[in-house]
Amino acid sequence: MKDPVRLAQWWGPAGFSNRFDVFEFHTGGKWIFSMIGPDGTRYPNEAVFSLIEADRQVVIQHVCQPHFQLIITLEPSAGGTLLSWVQTFADPCVAESVRHIVEPANEQNLDRLSAVLG
């Protein structure tokens, strides 16, 4: 995740691309970027890396709407590395209203990561 060029290749759902304006990969660092949909629509995002433990965990606070925390954890396993992806929204009502978008989008995001790593 620390390489913005590689991260831009897989971050987001299928068909999306990214433009990173600020990428400060350290605890407290900002991440300001646009996700660009297949139709060219730009979706501005701003986040802060609230915790980075090298090769173990990254905690991201999404500081624009919708507000959420994303915890990505890596654990060694017999077959390689187990990735845990936990996204918690600040407002449960917002979480429920975007669930139909977020759940498949996160799966696509992880599929794209697998393809980049594969």
N, C-alpha and C. Protein backbone atom coordinates (compact mmCIF):
# COMPACT_ATOMS: atom_id res chain seq x y z
N MET A 1 0.82 -1.19 0.00
CA MET A 1 0.00 0.00 0.00
C MET A 1 0.87 1.26 0.00
N LYS A 2 2.11 1.13 0.39
CA LYS A 2 2.95 2.32 0.52
C LYS A 2 3.41 2.89 -0.82
N ASP A 3 3.26 2.14 -1.90
CA ASP A 3 3.65 2.59 -3.23
C ASP A 3 2.41 3.16 -3.94
N PRO A 4 2.31 4.50 -4.08
CA PRO A 4 1.10 5.08 -4.66
C PRO A 4 0.85 4.66 -6.11
N VAL A 5 1.89 4.41 -6.88
CA VAL A 5 1.70 3.98 -8.27
C VAL A 5 1.03 2.61 -8.31
N ARG A 6 1.51 1.71 -7.49
CA ARG A 6 0.92 0.36 -7.43
C ARG A 6 -0.48 0.41 -6.81
N LEU A 7 -0.65 1.19 -5.75
CA LEU A 7 -1.95 1.32 -5.10
C LEU A 7 -3.01 1.83 -6.07
N ALA A 8 -2.65 2.79 -6.88
CA ALA A 8 -3.60 3.35 -7.85
C ALA A 8 -4.08 2.32 -8.85
N GLN A 9 -3.31 1.26 -9.06
CA GLN A 9 -3.68 0.20 -10.01
C GLN A 9 -4.84 -0.65 -9.52
N TRP A 10 -5.00 -0.75 -8.19
CA TRP A 10 -6.03 -1.66 -7.68
C TRP A 10 -7.06 -1.01 -6.76
N TRP A 11 -6.84 0.20 -6.31
CA TRP A 11 -7.75 0.82 -5.35
C TRP A 11 -9.07 1.16 -6.03
N GLY A 12 -10.15 0.68 -5.45
CA GLY A 12 -11.49 1.01 -5.93
C GLY A 12 -12.13 -0.14 -6.68
N PRO A 13 -13.42 0.02 -6.97
CA PRO A 13 -14.16 -1.04 -7.66
C PRO A 13 -13.74 -1.21 -9.12
N ALA A 14 -14.21 -2.28 -9.71
CA ALA A 14 -13.91 -2.60 -11.11
C ALA A 14 -14.27 -1.42 -12.01
N GLY A 15 -13.38 -1.13 -12.94
CA GLY A 15 -13.63 -0.06 -13.91
C GLY A 15 -13.20 1.32 -13.46
N PHE A 16 -12.81 1.46 -12.21
CA PHE A 16 -12.40 2.77 -11.68
C PHE A 16 -10.89 2.95 -11.83
N SER A 17 -10.49 4.22 -11.94
CA SER A 17 -9.08 4.57 -11.89
C SER A 17 -8.93 5.63 -10.80
N ASN A 18 -7.71 6.05 -10.55
CA ASN A 18 -7.44 6.99 -9.46
C ASN A 18 -6.49 8.08 -9.88
N ARG A 19 -6.66 9.23 -9.25
CA ARG A 19 -5.69 10.33 -9.35
C ARG A 19 -5.35 10.73 -7.93
N PHE A 20 -4.11 10.52 -7.53
CA PHE A 20 -3.66 10.87 -6.19
C PHE A 20 -3.03 12.26 -6.24
N ASP A 21 -3.57 13.18 -5.45
CA ASP A 21 -3.01 14.53 -5.37
C ASP A 21 -2.04 14.65 -4.21
N VAL A 22 -2.35 14.01 -3.08
CA VAL A 22 -1.49 13.98 -1.91
C VAL A 22 -1.47 12.55 -1.40
N PHE A 23 -0.29 12.01 -1.16
CA PHE A 23 -0.17 10.66 -0.62
C PHE A 23 1.02 10.65 0.35
N GLU A 24 0.71 10.86 1.62
CA GLU A 24 1.72 10.92 2.68
C GLU A 24 1.60 9.66 3.53
N PHE A 25 2.29 8.62 3.11
CA PHE A 25 2.13 7.31 3.77
C PHE A 25 2.97 7.23 5.03
N HIS A 26 2.44 7.86 6.07
CA HIS A 26 3.01 7.77 7.42
C HIS A 26 1.87 8.09 8.38
N THR A 27 2.01 7.66 9.62
CA THR A 27 0.97 7.93 10.61
C THR A 27 0.74 9.43 10.69
N GLY A 28 -0.52 9.82 10.52
CA GLY A 28 -0.91 11.22 10.51
C GLY A 28 -0.89 11.85 9.12
N GLY A 29 -0.39 11.09 8.13
CA GLY A 29 -0.30 11.61 6.77
C GLY A 29 -1.65 11.70 6.08
N LYS A 30 -1.74 12.63 5.13
CA LYS A 30 -2.97 12.83 4.35
C LYS A 30 -2.92 12.01 3.07
N TRP A 31 -4.13 11.65 2.62
CA TRP A 31 -4.30 11.00 1.33
C TRP A 31 -5.49 11.69 0.67
N ILE A 32 -5.22 12.48 -0.34
CA ILE A 32 -6.25 13.21 -1.06
C ILE A 32 -6.22 12.71 -2.51
N PHE A 33 -7.36 12.23 -2.97
CA PHE A 33 -7.40 11.62 -4.30
C PHE A 33 -8.80 11.67 -4.88
N SER A 34 -8.88 11.41 -6.16
CA SER A 34 -10.16 11.25 -6.84
C SER A 34 -10.22 9.85 -7.40
N MET A 35 -11.36 9.20 -7.16
CA MET A 35 -11.65 7.94 -7.84
C MET A 35 -12.45 8.34 -9.08
N ILE A 36 -12.08 7.79 -10.21
CA ILE A 36 -12.70 8.17 -11.47
C ILE A 36 -13.48 6.97 -12.00
N GLY A 37 -14.80 7.16 -12.09
CA GLY A 37 -15.68 6.08 -12.53
C GLY A 37 -15.52 5.79 -14.01
N PRO A 38 -16.05 4.65 -14.44
CA PRO A 38 -15.96 4.27 -15.86
C PRO A 38 -16.54 5.32 -16.81
N ASP A 39 -17.50 6.12 -16.32
CA ASP A 39 -18.12 7.15 -17.16
C ASP A 39 -17.37 8.49 -17.06
N GLY A 40 -16.25 8.52 -16.31
CA GLY A 40 -15.46 9.73 -16.18
C GLY A 40 -15.82 10.59 -14.97
N THR A 41 -16.86 10.20 -14.24
CA THR A 41 -17.25 10.95 -13.05
C THR A 41 -16.14 10.86 -12.00
N ARG A 42 -15.78 12.00 -11.43
CA ARG A 42 -14.75 12.04 -10.39
C ARG A 42 -15.41 12.07 -9.02
N TYR A 43 -14.91 11.22 -8.14
CA TYR A 43 -15.40 11.13 -6.77
C TYR A 43 -14.27 11.54 -5.84
N PRO A 44 -14.31 12.80 -5.31
CA PRO A 44 -13.23 13.26 -4.45
C PRO A 44 -13.22 12.53 -3.11
N ASN A 45 -12.04 12.23 -2.61
CA ASN A 45 -11.85 11.55 -1.34
C ASN A 45 -10.74 12.23 -0.57
N GLU A 46 -10.90 12.24 0.74
CA GLU A 46 -9.83 12.72 1.61
C GLU A 46 -9.77 11.81 2.82
N ALA A 47 -8.56 11.37 3.14
CA ALA A 47 -8.37 10.45 4.26
C ALA A 47 -7.08 10.81 5.00
N VAL A 48 -6.97 10.24 6.20
CA VAL A 48 -5.77 10.38 7.01
C VAL A 48 -5.34 8.97 7.43
N PHE A 49 -4.05 8.70 7.31
CA PHE A 49 -3.52 7.43 7.81
C PHE A 49 -3.33 7.59 9.31
N SER A 50 -4.27 7.06 10.09
CA SER A 50 -4.20 7.28 11.54
C SER A 50 -3.27 6.30 12.24
N LEU A 51 -2.95 5.20 11.57
CA LEU A 51 -1.99 4.24 12.14
C LEU A 51 -1.37 3.44 11.00
N ILE A 52 -0.07 3.29 11.04
CA ILE A 52 0.62 2.41 10.10
C ILE A 52 1.62 1.58 10.90
N GLU A 53 1.43 0.28 10.86
CA GLU A 53 2.38 -0.67 11.43
C GLU A 53 2.92 -1.46 10.24
N ALA A 54 4.17 -1.25 9.89
CA ALA A 54 4.76 -1.84 8.69
C ALA A 54 4.48 -3.33 8.60
N ASP A 55 4.01 -3.74 7.43
CA ASP A 55 3.74 -5.14 7.10
C ASP A 55 2.72 -5.80 8.03
N ARG A 56 1.93 -5.01 8.76
CA ARG A 56 0.94 -5.57 9.66
C ARG A 56 -0.43 -4.91 9.58
N GLN A 57 -0.47 -3.57 9.70
CA GLN A 57 -1.78 -2.92 9.77
C GLN A 57 -1.72 -1.48 9.28
N VAL A 58 -2.80 -1.08 8.58
CA VAL A 58 -3.00 0.31 8.18
C VAL A 58 -4.42 0.68 8.60
N VAL A 59 -4.54 1.82 9.28
CA VAL A 59 -5.85 2.33 9.67
C VAL A 59 -6.04 3.67 8.97
N ILE A 60 -7.14 3.76 8.22
CA ILE A 60 -7.44 4.94 7.42
C ILE A 60 -8.74 5.56 7.93
N GLN A 61 -8.69 6.86 8.19
CA GLN A 61 -9.89 7.62 8.54
C GLN A 61 -10.32 8.38 7.29
N HIS A 62 -11.50 8.07 6.78
CA HIS A 62 -12.05 8.80 5.63
C HIS A 62 -12.70 10.05 6.21
N VAL A 63 -12.12 11.23 5.95
CA VAL A 63 -12.52 12.45 6.64
C VAL A 63 -13.48 13.33 5.85
N CYS A 64 -13.93 12.85 4.70
CA CYS A 64 -15.01 13.52 3.99
C CYS A 64 -16.19 12.54 3.95
N GLN A 65 -17.32 13.03 3.52
CA GLN A 65 -18.51 12.17 3.50
C GLN A 65 -18.36 11.05 2.48
N PRO A 66 -18.78 9.84 2.80
CA PRO A 66 -19.25 9.38 4.10
C PRO A 66 -18.06 9.09 5.02
N HIS A 67 -18.20 9.46 6.28
CA HIS A 67 -17.13 9.26 7.25
C HIS A 67 -17.07 7.80 7.67
N PHE A 68 -15.87 7.23 7.58
CA PHE A 68 -15.68 5.85 8.02
C PHE A 68 -14.22 5.62 8.39
N GLN A 69 -14.00 4.49 9.05
CA GLN A 69 -12.66 4.03 9.36
C GLN A 69 -12.47 2.71 8.64
N LEU A 70 -11.32 2.55 8.02
CA LEU A 70 -10.97 1.30 7.35
C LEU A 70 -9.72 0.75 8.02
N ILE A 71 -9.82 -0.48 8.51
CA ILE A 71 -8.68 -1.15 9.12
C ILE A 71 -8.30 -2.32 8.22
N ILE A 72 -7.08 -2.28 7.70
CA ILE A 72 -6.54 -3.34 6.86
C ILE A 72 -5.43 -4.02 7.66
N THR A 73 -5.61 -5.32 7.91
CA THR A 73 -4.64 -6.06 8.71
C THR A 73 -4.09 -7.23 7.90
N LEU A 74 -2.80 -7.44 7.99
CA LEU A 74 -2.13 -8.56 7.31
C LEU A 74 -1.59 -9.52 8.38
N GLU A 75 -1.86 -10.82 8.18
CA GLU A 75 -1.36 -11.83 9.10
C GLU A 75 -0.76 -12.98 8.29
N PRO A 76 0.41 -13.44 8.67
CA PRO A 76 0.98 -14.60 7.98
C PRO A 76 0.07 -15.81 8.16
N SER A 77 -0.02 -16.61 7.10
CA SER A 77 -0.79 -17.86 7.18
C SER A 77 -0.03 -18.92 6.38
N ALA A 78 -0.45 -20.16 6.53
CA ALA A 78 0.24 -21.27 5.87
C ALA A 78 0.31 -21.07 4.35
N GLY A 79 -0.74 -20.48 3.77
CA GLY A 79 -0.79 -20.31 2.32
C GLY A 79 -0.25 -18.98 1.84
N GLY A 80 0.22 -18.13 2.73
CA GLY A 80 0.71 -16.82 2.32
C GLY A 80 0.38 -15.77 3.35
N THR A 81 -0.54 -14.87 3.02
CA THR A 81 -0.93 -13.78 3.92
C THR A 81 -2.44 -13.67 3.96
N LEU A 82 -2.98 -13.57 5.16
CA LEU A 82 -4.41 -13.36 5.35
C LEU A 82 -4.65 -11.86 5.50
N LEU A 83 -5.52 -11.33 4.66
CA LEU A 83 -5.86 -9.91 4.70
C LEU A 83 -7.23 -9.75 5.34
N SER A 84 -7.32 -8.89 6.33
CA SER A 84 -8.59 -8.55 6.96
C SER A 84 -8.92 -7.11 6.59
N TRP A 85 -10.18 -6.86 6.21
CA TRP A 85 -10.61 -5.55 5.72
C TRP A 85 -11.88 -5.21 6.49
N VAL A 86 -11.80 -4.27 7.44
CA VAL A 86 -12.95 -3.91 8.27
C VAL A 86 -13.24 -2.43 8.09
N GLN A 87 -14.43 -2.15 7.57
CA GLN A 87 -14.85 -0.77 7.30
C GLN A 87 -16.02 -0.45 8.23
N THR A 88 -15.84 0.59 9.06
CA THR A 88 -16.86 0.96 10.04
C THR A 88 -17.27 2.41 9.80
N PHE A 89 -18.55 2.61 9.54
CA PHE A 89 -19.06 3.95 9.27
C PHE A 89 -19.41 4.67 10.56
N ALA A 90 -19.19 5.99 10.59
CA ALA A 90 -19.48 6.79 11.78
C ALA A 90 -20.98 6.80 12.07
N ASP A 91 -21.81 6.76 11.04
CA ASP A 91 -23.27 6.82 11.19
C ASP A 91 -23.87 5.52 10.68
N PRO A 92 -24.49 4.74 11.55
CA PRO A 92 -25.08 3.46 11.12
C PRO A 92 -26.13 3.61 10.02
N CYS A 93 -26.85 4.72 10.01
CA CYS A 93 -27.85 4.94 8.95
C CYS A 93 -27.19 5.12 7.59
N VAL A 94 -26.07 5.82 7.58
CA VAL A 94 -25.31 5.99 6.33
C VAL A 94 -24.78 4.63 5.89
N ALA A 95 -24.25 3.87 6.84
CA ALA A 95 -23.73 2.53 6.52
C ALA A 95 -24.80 1.69 5.83
N GLU A 96 -25.98 1.71 6.38
CA GLU A 96 -27.06 0.91 5.80
C GLU A 96 -27.47 1.43 4.42
N SER A 97 -27.45 2.74 4.25
CA SER A 97 -27.88 3.31 2.96
C SER A 97 -26.87 3.06 1.84
N VAL A 98 -25.60 2.84 2.17
CA VAL A 98 -24.59 2.59 1.14
C VAL A 98 -24.15 1.13 1.07
N ARG A 99 -24.71 0.30 1.92
CA ARG A 99 -24.32 -1.12 1.97
C ARG A 99 -24.38 -1.78 0.59
N HIS A 100 -25.43 -1.51 -0.18
CA HIS A 100 -25.60 -2.14 -1.49
C HIS A 100 -24.51 -1.74 -2.48
N ILE A 101 -23.84 -0.63 -2.23
CA ILE A 101 -22.73 -0.18 -3.08
C ILE A 101 -21.40 -0.66 -2.51
N VAL A 102 -21.23 -0.49 -1.20
CA VAL A 102 -19.94 -0.72 -0.55
C VAL A 102 -19.54 -2.20 -0.54
N GLU A 103 -20.48 -3.08 -0.24
CA GLU A 103 -20.11 -4.50 -0.15
C GLU A 103 -19.56 -5.04 -1.48
N PRO A 104 -20.28 -4.88 -2.59
CA PRO A 104 -19.69 -5.39 -3.84
C PRO A 104 -18.45 -4.60 -4.27
N ALA A 105 -18.41 -3.29 -3.99
CA ALA A 105 -17.25 -2.48 -4.36
C ALA A 105 -16.01 -2.95 -3.61
N ASN A 106 -16.15 -3.28 -2.33
CA ASN A 106 -15.00 -3.77 -1.56
C ASN A 106 -14.53 -5.12 -2.09
N GLU A 107 -15.45 -5.98 -2.46
CA GLU A 107 -15.06 -7.27 -3.04
C GLU A 107 -14.30 -7.07 -4.35
N GLN A 108 -14.77 -6.14 -5.18
CA GLN A 108 -14.09 -5.84 -6.44
C GLN A 108 -12.70 -5.25 -6.17
N ASN A 109 -12.62 -4.41 -5.15
CA ASN A 109 -11.34 -3.81 -4.77
C ASN A 109 -10.34 -4.91 -4.42
N LEU A 110 -10.76 -5.87 -3.63
CA LEU A 110 -9.87 -6.97 -3.24
C LEU A 110 -9.55 -7.88 -4.42
N ASP A 111 -10.51 -8.06 -5.33
CA ASP A 111 -10.24 -8.82 -6.55
C ASP A 111 -9.16 -8.14 -7.38
N ARG A 112 -9.23 -6.82 -7.46
CA ARG A 112 -8.21 -6.06 -8.21
C ARG A 112 -6.85 -6.18 -7.56
N LEU A 113 -6.81 -6.16 -6.22
CA LEU A 113 -5.55 -6.36 -5.50
C LEU A 113 -4.97 -7.72 -5.82
N SER A 114 -5.81 -8.76 -5.79
CA SER A 114 -5.34 -10.12 -6.12
C SER A 114 -4.75 -10.18 -7.51
N ALA A 115 -5.39 -9.49 -8.45
CA ALA A 115 -4.89 -9.50 -9.83
C ALA A 115 -3.54 -8.80 -9.93
N VAL A 116 -3.36 -7.71 -9.21
CA VAL A 116 -2.07 -7.00 -9.23
C VAL A 116 -0.97 -7.86 -8.59
N LEU A 117 -1.32 -8.56 -7.52
CA LEU A 117 -0.34 -9.40 -6.84
C LEU A 117 -0.07 -10.70 -7.57
N GLY A 118 -1.07 -11.16 -8.34
CA GLY A 118 -0.98 -12.46 -8.99
C GLY A 118 -0.08 -12.47 -10.17
